[in-house]
Amino acid sequence: MKNLTVSRRYAKALLLIGQEDGQSEQYNEELGAMVGLFDTQDGFEKTLTNPLYNKNDRKKVLQAVLAATDLSAIMKSFMVLLFDKGRVGFLREIASYYKDLADELNGVVKASVISATELSSEAIDKIREALSKKAGKTIVLNVEQDTSLIGGVVTKIGDLVLDGSVKTQLINMRETLKKGESV
C-alpha cells in the first residue's frame, strides 16, 4: 500500500509541474519512454536498483543513460530525484498513475465492463455513450468476459461499481432468503 501512495505522490508532483509549464503531455510520453528503456534494456533497471552495486556507480550509469537521451531537463531531474530517494524501482507505477491523472485532466476516464457473454461492438458503443453521458467525460472502455457471471454486466468507473450480474442477484436473493425475509 505504501508503494502505491508513494507512486501517486510522485506522479501528482510531476503533473503539477507539467500543468505549470504546459508540458504535462510531454512528461507523459517521456515517462513512457523511460519505462520502455526499463523493459527493453536488459539489466538496466536491476543495475539502478540493486543495492549490491555502489550507489555512486549506479547514479553514474543513470546519468550517462539520461545524457544520451533527448528527455527534457525536468524529466532528467525527476529521474535523478527518484534515484536519490530510492524510488526508481517505482517508475512503472508512477508512470501508470501519471497517465491516469493526465487523462482525467483531459476529461478522459477509464471504465471497464465485464459481461457473461461476448458483447457486440454496437452494444459496447451504446455502453460507452451512456457512461460518457453519465460521467460527462470521454470514456476509454476496457471490455472483458467472465462466464461465471451467468448473465448481465458489471461496470466499473474509478471506484464506482455497478453490478448487474445474475450471479450477484442470486447471491443477494440467497442472503435475503437466509434472513427469512420475503423476496
Protein backbone atom coordinates (compact mmCIF):
# COMPACT_ATOMS: atom_id res chain seq x y z
CA MET A 1 0.00 0.00 0.00
CA LYS A 2 2.84 2.35 0.86
CA ASN A 3 4.34 1.92 -2.64
CA LEU A 4 1.05 2.97 -4.22
CA THR A 5 0.82 6.08 -2.04
CA VAL A 6 4.43 6.98 -2.80
CA SER A 7 3.95 6.41 -6.54
CA ARG A 8 0.78 8.51 -6.54
CA ARG A 9 2.55 11.35 -4.72
CA TYR A 10 5.42 11.47 -7.24
CA ALA A 11 3.00 11.28 -10.18
CA LYS A 12 0.94 14.17 -8.78
CA ALA A 13 4.04 16.28 -8.17
CA LEU A 14 5.25 15.80 -11.73
CA LEU A 15 1.78 16.52 -13.11
CA LEU A 16 1.65 19.80 -11.16
CA ILE A 17 4.96 20.80 -12.75
CA GLY A 18 3.56 19.79 -16.15
CA GLN A 19 0.45 21.90 -15.60
CA GLU A 20 2.57 24.90 -14.63
CA ASP A 21 4.91 24.72 -17.61
CA GLY A 22 2.38 23.32 -20.11
CA GLN A 23 4.42 20.17 -20.72
CA SER A 24 2.22 17.58 -18.99
CA GLU A 25 1.66 15.57 -22.19
CA GLN A 26 5.39 15.59 -22.97
CA TYR A 27 6.18 14.27 -19.48
CA ASN A 28 3.61 11.53 -20.01
CA GLU A 29 5.43 10.45 -23.18
CA GLU A 30 8.84 10.72 -21.51
CA LEU A 31 7.76 8.56 -18.55
CA GLY A 32 6.55 6.02 -21.10
CA ALA A 33 9.92 6.20 -22.83
CA MET A 34 11.76 5.56 -19.55
CA VAL A 35 9.52 2.58 -18.79
CA GLY A 36 10.29 1.41 -22.33
CA LEU A 37 14.02 1.62 -21.56
CA PHE A 38 13.49 -0.47 -18.43
CA ASP A 39 11.55 -3.02 -20.48
CA THR A 40 13.92 -3.26 -23.44
CA GLN A 41 17.38 -2.70 -21.97
CA ASP A 42 18.20 -5.92 -20.18
CA GLY A 43 19.60 -5.31 -16.72
CA PHE A 44 19.24 -1.51 -16.76
CA GLU A 45 16.57 -1.40 -14.06
CA LYS A 46 18.34 -4.05 -11.96
CA THR A 47 21.59 -2.10 -12.19
CA LEU A 48 19.90 1.03 -10.88
CA THR A 49 18.01 -0.69 -8.06
CA ASN A 50 20.49 -3.36 -6.90
CA PRO A 51 21.94 -2.27 -3.52
CA LEU A 52 24.90 -4.62 -4.01
CA TYR A 53 26.32 -2.14 -6.52
CA ASN A 54 27.88 1.07 -5.24
CA LYS A 55 25.26 3.85 -5.17
CA ASN A 56 27.55 6.42 -6.81
CA ASP A 57 28.36 3.99 -9.62
CA ARG A 58 24.65 3.28 -10.15
CA LYS A 59 23.95 7.02 -10.27
CA LYS A 60 26.71 7.48 -12.87
CA VAL A 61 25.07 4.79 -15.03
CA LEU A 62 21.73 6.60 -14.79
CA GLN A 63 23.29 9.97 -15.58
CA ALA A 64 25.17 8.53 -18.58
CA VAL A 65 21.97 6.99 -19.95
CA LEU A 66 19.99 10.21 -19.34
CA ALA A 67 22.72 12.25 -21.07
CA ALA A 68 22.33 10.04 -24.16
CA THR A 69 18.57 10.68 -24.33
CA ASP A 70 16.68 13.72 -25.59
CA LEU A 71 14.49 13.85 -22.48
CA SER A 72 13.60 17.26 -21.06
CA ALA A 73 15.70 18.74 -18.26
CA ILE A 74 12.72 18.34 -15.90
CA MET A 75 12.42 14.60 -16.68
CA LYS A 76 16.15 14.08 -16.25
CA SER A 77 16.00 15.85 -12.87
CA PHE A 78 12.91 13.82 -11.94
CA MET A 79 14.71 10.55 -12.71
CA VAL A 80 17.74 11.61 -10.64
CA LEU A 81 15.39 12.59 -7.79
CA LEU A 82 13.71 9.17 -7.96
CA PHE A 83 17.13 7.55 -7.83
CA ASP A 84 18.34 9.70 -4.90
CA LYS A 85 15.18 8.92 -2.92
CA GLY A 86 15.45 5.19 -3.67
CA ARG A 87 12.22 5.29 -5.69
CA VAL A 88 13.45 4.47 -9.19
CA GLY A 89 12.01 0.96 -8.80
CA PHE A 90 8.52 2.54 -8.63
CA LEU A 91 8.82 4.09 -12.11
CA ARG A 92 6.20 1.82 -13.72
CA GLU A 93 3.59 2.63 -11.05
CA ILE A 94 4.44 6.35 -11.18
CA ALA A 95 4.07 6.34 -14.98
CA SER A 96 0.76 4.50 -14.73
CA TYR A 97 -0.65 6.93 -12.14
CA TYR A 98 0.65 9.88 -14.12
CA LYS A 99 -1.14 8.67 -17.25
CA ASP A 100 -4.40 8.21 -15.31
CA LEU A 101 -4.11 11.68 -13.76
CA ALA A 102 -3.24 13.29 -17.11
CA ASP A 103 -6.19 11.52 -18.77
CA GLU A 104 -8.50 12.74 -16.01
CA LEU A 105 -7.21 16.27 -16.51
CA ASN A 106 -8.07 15.97 -20.21
CA GLY A 107 -11.57 14.69 -19.42
CA VAL A 108 -10.81 11.04 -20.18
CA VAL A 109 -11.92 8.38 -17.70
CA LYS A 110 -11.16 4.66 -17.77
CA ALA A 111 -14.03 2.26 -17.27
CA SER A 112 -14.40 -1.48 -17.57
CA VAL A 113 -17.29 -3.69 -18.50
CA ILE A 114 -17.27 -7.37 -17.63
CA SER A 115 -20.00 -9.39 -19.29
CA ALA A 116 -21.11 -13.00 -19.11
CA THR A 117 -21.27 -13.29 -22.90
CA GLU A 118 -19.39 -11.57 -25.70
CA LEU A 119 -20.81 -8.12 -26.40
CA SER A 120 -21.36 -6.83 -29.93
CA SER A 121 -19.44 -3.72 -30.97
CA GLU A 122 -22.82 -1.97 -31.16
CA ALA A 123 -23.59 -2.86 -27.52
CA ILE A 124 -20.11 -1.72 -26.45
CA ASP A 125 -20.61 1.62 -28.24
CA LYS A 126 -24.00 2.10 -26.54
CA ILE A 127 -22.48 1.36 -23.11
CA ARG A 128 -19.59 3.75 -23.80
CA GLU A 129 -22.02 6.51 -24.88
CA ALA A 130 -24.25 6.01 -21.83
CA LEU A 131 -21.28 6.07 -19.45
CA SER A 132 -19.81 9.09 -21.21
CA LYS A 133 -23.11 10.95 -20.90
CA LYS A 134 -23.45 9.97 -17.23
CA ALA A 135 -19.87 10.92 -16.32
CA GLY A 136 -19.73 13.98 -18.56
CA LYS A 137 -16.32 12.83 -19.81
CA THR A 138 -14.78 10.78 -22.59
CA ILE A 139 -14.73 7.11 -21.61
CA VAL A 140 -11.97 4.67 -22.52
CA LEU A 141 -13.64 1.30 -22.15
CA ASN A 142 -11.93 -1.99 -21.34
CA VAL A 143 -14.23 -4.93 -22.15
CA GLU A 144 -13.76 -8.38 -20.58
CA GLN A 145 -15.75 -11.57 -20.49
CA ASP A 146 -16.44 -13.73 -17.40
CA THR A 147 -18.84 -16.65 -17.87
CA SER A 148 -19.13 -17.10 -14.08
CA LEU A 149 -21.41 -14.02 -14.04
CA ILE A 150 -24.12 -16.21 -15.66
CA GLY A 151 -25.73 -13.15 -17.28
CA GLY A 152 -25.71 -9.34 -17.17
CA VAL A 153 -22.75 -7.00 -16.84
CA VAL A 154 -20.53 -5.46 -14.17
CA THR A 155 -19.37 -1.91 -14.91
CA LYS A 156 -16.55 -0.12 -13.09
CA ILE A 157 -15.72 3.57 -13.36
CA GLY A 158 -12.97 4.50 -10.93
CA ASP A 159 -14.19 3.35 -7.50
CA LEU A 160 -17.83 3.07 -8.59
CA VAL A 161 -19.03 -0.48 -9.33
CA LEU A 162 -22.40 -1.08 -10.96
CA ASP A 163 -23.09 -4.80 -10.63
CA GLY A 164 -25.99 -6.03 -12.74
CA SER A 165 -24.84 -9.62 -12.97
CA VAL A 166 -27.19 -12.55 -12.45
CA LYS A 167 -24.58 -14.13 -10.15
CA THR A 168 -24.75 -11.18 -7.71
CA GLN A 169 -28.54 -11.06 -7.91
CA LEU A 170 -28.69 -14.76 -6.99
CA ILE A 171 -26.26 -14.27 -4.09
CA ASN A 172 -28.37 -11.34 -2.80
CA MET A 173 -31.53 -13.41 -3.14
CA ARG A 174 -29.94 -16.27 -1.20
CA GLU A 175 -28.92 -13.89 1.61
CA THR A 176 -32.44 -12.48 1.75
CA LEU A 177 -33.94 -15.98 1.94
CA LYS A 178 -31.48 -16.95 4.71
CA LYS A 179 -32.69 -13.99 6.79
CA GLY A 180 -36.26 -15.18 6.28
CA GLU A 181 -37.34 -12.01 4.51
CA SER A 182 -39.71 -12.13 1.57
CA VAL A 183 -38.17 -11.68 -1.85
